[in-house]
Amino acid sequence: MKTCQIEDDLVSELTTLNNKLNTLSPAWVHDEQGREAIQERRLTLQAEIKQHRIKGHDGNHCPAFDARKPFSHSR
């Protein structure tokens, strides 16, 4: 299976942010700006991952993503 360091890094950062959001209690955050900033970065990372998978390697699909696509039968 092919891997892609760029995608791995983006997914790792997204996972870290998801974990951070899960541990942030609204009661602990005196200012909702911190939570909103994390949520905004999550959305940006999700868009970056999607864009990378589509055209992340010189305008071509990411080979690591192509390798993970489920096998489809052509009829």
N, C-alpha and C. Protein backbone atom coordinates (compact mmCIF):
# COMPACT_ATOMS: atom_id res chain seq x y z
N MET A 1 0.85 -1.18 0.00
CA MET A 1 0.00 0.00 0.00
C MET A 1 0.89 1.24 0.00
N LYS A 2 0.59 2.15 -0.88
CA LYS A 2 1.38 3.37 -0.96
C LYS A 2 1.00 4.30 0.18
N THR A 3 1.97 5.07 0.64
CA THR A 3 1.69 6.06 1.67
C THR A 3 2.09 7.43 1.15
N CYS A 4 1.57 8.45 1.78
CA CYS A 4 1.85 9.82 1.40
C CYS A 4 2.10 10.62 2.67
N GLN A 5 3.31 11.12 2.83
CA GLN A 5 3.66 11.85 4.05
C GLN A 5 2.83 13.11 4.21
N ILE A 6 2.51 13.77 3.10
CA ILE A 6 1.71 15.00 3.17
C ILE A 6 0.34 14.68 3.77
N GLU A 7 -0.31 13.66 3.22
CA GLU A 7 -1.63 13.30 3.74
C GLU A 7 -1.53 12.80 5.18
N ASP A 8 -0.52 12.01 5.47
CA ASP A 8 -0.33 11.51 6.84
C ASP A 8 -0.20 12.67 7.82
N ASP A 9 0.55 13.70 7.45
CA ASP A 9 0.72 14.87 8.32
C ASP A 9 -0.59 15.62 8.51
N LEU A 10 -1.36 15.80 7.44
CA LEU A 10 -2.64 16.50 7.54
C LEU A 10 -3.62 15.72 8.41
N VAL A 11 -3.69 14.42 8.20
CA VAL A 11 -4.59 13.58 8.98
C VAL A 11 -4.16 13.56 10.45
N SER A 12 -2.88 13.53 10.69
CA SER A 12 -2.38 13.54 12.07
C SER A 12 -2.75 14.85 12.77
N GLU A 13 -2.61 15.95 12.08
CA GLU A 13 -2.98 17.24 12.67
C GLU A 13 -4.49 17.29 12.93
N LEU A 14 -5.28 16.77 12.01
CA LEU A 14 -6.73 16.74 12.20
C LEU A 14 -7.10 15.86 13.40
N THR A 15 -6.46 14.73 13.54
CA THR A 15 -6.71 13.85 14.68
C THR A 15 -6.38 14.55 15.99
N THR A 16 -5.26 15.25 16.01
CA THR A 16 -4.87 15.99 17.21
C THR A 16 -5.91 17.04 17.57
N LEU A 17 -6.39 17.76 16.56
CA LEU A 17 -7.41 18.77 16.82
C LEU A 17 -8.71 18.14 17.30
N ASN A 18 -9.09 17.01 16.70
CA ASN A 18 -10.30 16.31 17.15
C ASN A 18 -10.18 15.90 18.61
N ASN A 19 -9.02 15.37 18.96
CA ASN A 19 -8.80 14.97 20.36
C ASN A 19 -8.84 16.18 21.29
N LYS A 20 -8.27 17.28 20.83
CA LYS A 20 -8.27 18.50 21.65
C LYS A 20 -9.70 19.00 21.85
N LEU A 21 -10.50 18.99 20.79
CA LEU A 21 -11.90 19.40 20.91
C LEU A 21 -12.66 18.49 21.86
N ASN A 22 -12.39 17.21 21.78
CA ASN A 22 -13.09 16.25 22.65
C ASN A 22 -12.77 16.47 24.12
N THR A 23 -11.58 16.99 24.41
CA THR A 23 -11.20 17.19 25.81
C THR A 23 -11.57 18.59 26.32
N LEU A 24 -11.93 19.49 25.41
CA LEU A 24 -12.29 20.84 25.84
C LEU A 24 -13.73 20.87 26.33
N SER A 25 -13.88 21.17 27.55
CA SER A 25 -15.21 21.33 28.10
C SER A 25 -15.59 22.80 27.99
N PRO A 26 -16.79 23.11 27.56
CA PRO A 26 -17.20 24.51 27.49
C PRO A 26 -17.04 25.22 28.83
N ALA A 27 -17.15 24.47 29.94
CA ALA A 27 -16.97 25.07 31.26
C ALA A 27 -15.52 25.49 31.47
N TRP A 28 -14.57 24.80 30.82
CA TRP A 28 -13.15 25.13 30.97
C TRP A 28 -12.75 26.31 30.11
N VAL A 29 -13.50 26.55 29.06
CA VAL A 29 -13.15 27.62 28.12
C VAL A 29 -13.92 28.87 28.51
N HIS A 30 -13.21 29.85 29.03
CA HIS A 30 -13.86 31.09 29.43
C HIS A 30 -14.28 31.88 28.20
N ASP A 31 -13.58 31.65 27.12
CA ASP A 31 -13.83 32.36 25.89
C ASP A 31 -14.06 31.35 24.78
N GLU A 32 -15.17 31.43 24.13
CA GLU A 32 -15.51 30.49 23.06
C GLU A 32 -14.60 30.64 21.85
N GLN A 33 -13.80 31.69 21.80
CA GLN A 33 -12.91 31.91 20.65
C GLN A 33 -11.93 30.76 20.48
N GLY A 34 -11.43 30.22 21.57
CA GLY A 34 -10.49 29.10 21.48
C GLY A 34 -11.14 27.89 20.82
N ARG A 35 -12.33 27.58 21.25
CA ARG A 35 -13.05 26.44 20.67
C ARG A 35 -13.39 26.71 19.21
N GLU A 36 -13.82 27.91 18.90
CA GLU A 36 -14.16 28.27 17.52
C GLU A 36 -12.93 28.23 16.62
N ALA A 37 -11.78 28.65 17.13
CA ALA A 37 -10.55 28.63 16.34
C ALA A 37 -10.17 27.18 15.99
N ILE A 38 -10.31 26.29 16.95
CA ILE A 38 -10.01 24.88 16.70
C ILE A 38 -10.99 24.31 15.68
N GLN A 39 -12.26 24.63 15.84
CA GLN A 39 -13.28 24.13 14.91
C GLN A 39 -13.02 24.64 13.49
N GLU A 40 -12.63 25.90 13.38
CA GLU A 40 -12.32 26.48 12.07
C GLU A 40 -11.11 25.79 11.43
N ARG A 41 -10.07 25.52 12.23
CA ARG A 41 -8.88 24.84 11.71
C ARG A 41 -9.24 23.42 11.28
N ARG A 42 -10.12 22.75 12.02
CA ARG A 42 -10.57 21.40 11.64
C ARG A 42 -11.21 21.43 10.26
N LEU A 43 -12.09 22.38 10.04
CA LEU A 43 -12.77 22.48 8.74
C LEU A 43 -11.77 22.77 7.62
N THR A 44 -10.79 23.62 7.91
CA THR A 44 -9.76 23.94 6.92
C THR A 44 -8.94 22.69 6.60
N LEU A 45 -8.56 21.93 7.61
CA LEU A 45 -7.78 20.70 7.40
C LEU A 45 -8.58 19.67 6.61
N GLN A 46 -9.86 19.55 6.91
CA GLN A 46 -10.68 18.60 6.16
C GLN A 46 -10.70 18.98 4.68
N ALA A 47 -10.82 20.27 4.40
CA ALA A 47 -10.81 20.74 3.01
C ALA A 47 -9.44 20.51 2.37
N GLU A 48 -8.36 20.75 3.12
CA GLU A 48 -7.01 20.52 2.60
C GLU A 48 -6.78 19.04 2.27
N ILE A 49 -7.26 18.16 3.14
CA ILE A 49 -7.10 16.72 2.91
C ILE A 49 -7.86 16.32 1.64
N LYS A 50 -9.09 16.80 1.53
CA LYS A 50 -9.89 16.48 0.34
C LYS A 50 -9.20 16.99 -0.93
N GLN A 51 -8.73 18.24 -0.89
CA GLN A 51 -8.06 18.82 -2.05
C GLN A 51 -6.77 18.06 -2.38
N HIS A 52 -6.03 17.68 -1.35
CA HIS A 52 -4.79 16.94 -1.57
C HIS A 52 -5.08 15.59 -2.23
N ARG A 53 -6.11 14.92 -1.77
CA ARG A 53 -6.44 13.62 -2.34
C ARG A 53 -6.81 13.75 -3.82
N ILE A 54 -7.44 14.87 -4.18
CA ILE A 54 -7.87 15.06 -5.57
C ILE A 54 -6.72 15.53 -6.45
N LYS A 55 -5.99 16.54 -6.02
CA LYS A 55 -4.96 17.13 -6.88
C LYS A 55 -3.71 17.52 -6.10
N GLY A 56 -3.27 16.65 -5.22
CA GLY A 56 -2.17 16.98 -4.33
C GLY A 56 -0.78 16.73 -4.86
N HIS A 57 -0.65 16.03 -5.97
CA HIS A 57 0.67 15.70 -6.49
C HIS A 57 0.78 16.19 -7.92
N ASP A 58 1.22 17.42 -8.05
CA ASP A 58 1.36 18.03 -9.38
C ASP A 58 0.08 17.93 -10.20
N GLY A 59 -1.05 18.18 -9.54
CA GLY A 59 -2.33 18.15 -10.22
C GLY A 59 -2.94 16.78 -10.39
N ASN A 60 -2.32 15.76 -9.82
CA ASN A 60 -2.82 14.39 -9.93
C ASN A 60 -3.33 13.89 -8.59
N HIS A 61 -4.16 12.85 -8.64
CA HIS A 61 -4.66 12.23 -7.41
C HIS A 61 -3.48 11.77 -6.55
N CYS A 62 -3.69 11.78 -5.26
CA CYS A 62 -2.69 11.26 -4.32
C CYS A 62 -2.63 9.75 -4.49
N PRO A 63 -1.45 9.19 -4.78
CA PRO A 63 -1.36 7.74 -4.98
C PRO A 63 -1.75 6.95 -3.74
N ALA A 64 -1.53 7.50 -2.56
CA ALA A 64 -1.91 6.79 -1.34
C ALA A 64 -3.43 6.68 -1.24
N PHE A 65 -4.13 7.73 -1.63
CA PHE A 65 -5.59 7.69 -1.61
C PHE A 65 -6.11 6.72 -2.66
N ASP A 66 -5.52 6.76 -3.85
CA ASP A 66 -5.93 5.85 -4.92
C ASP A 66 -5.76 4.40 -4.47
N ALA A 67 -4.71 4.11 -3.71
CA ALA A 67 -4.44 2.75 -3.25
C ALA A 67 -5.47 2.29 -2.22
N ARG A 68 -6.09 3.23 -1.50
CA ARG A 68 -7.07 2.88 -0.47
C ARG A 68 -8.49 2.78 -1.00
N LYS A 69 -8.72 3.22 -2.23
CA LYS A 69 -10.08 3.15 -2.78
C LYS A 69 -10.54 1.69 -2.81
N PRO A 70 -11.80 1.47 -2.46
CA PRO A 70 -12.28 0.09 -2.51
C PRO A 70 -12.32 -0.41 -3.94
N PHE A 71 -12.09 -1.69 -4.08
CA PHE A 71 -12.11 -2.31 -5.41
C PHE A 71 -13.51 -2.21 -5.97
N SER A 72 -13.63 -1.75 -7.19
CA SER A 72 -14.95 -1.68 -7.81
C SER A 72 -14.95 -2.51 -9.08
N HIS A 73 -16.02 -3.17 -9.31
CA HIS A 73 -16.17 -4.01 -10.50
C HIS A 73 -16.70 -3.16 -11.63
N SER A 74 -16.11 -3.28 -12.81
CA SER A 74 -16.68 -2.60 -13.97
C SER A 74 -17.55 -3.60 -14.70
N ARG A 75 -18.68 -3.11 -15.09
CA ARG A 75 -19.63 -4.00 -15.76
C ARG A 75 -19.80 -3.57 -17.16
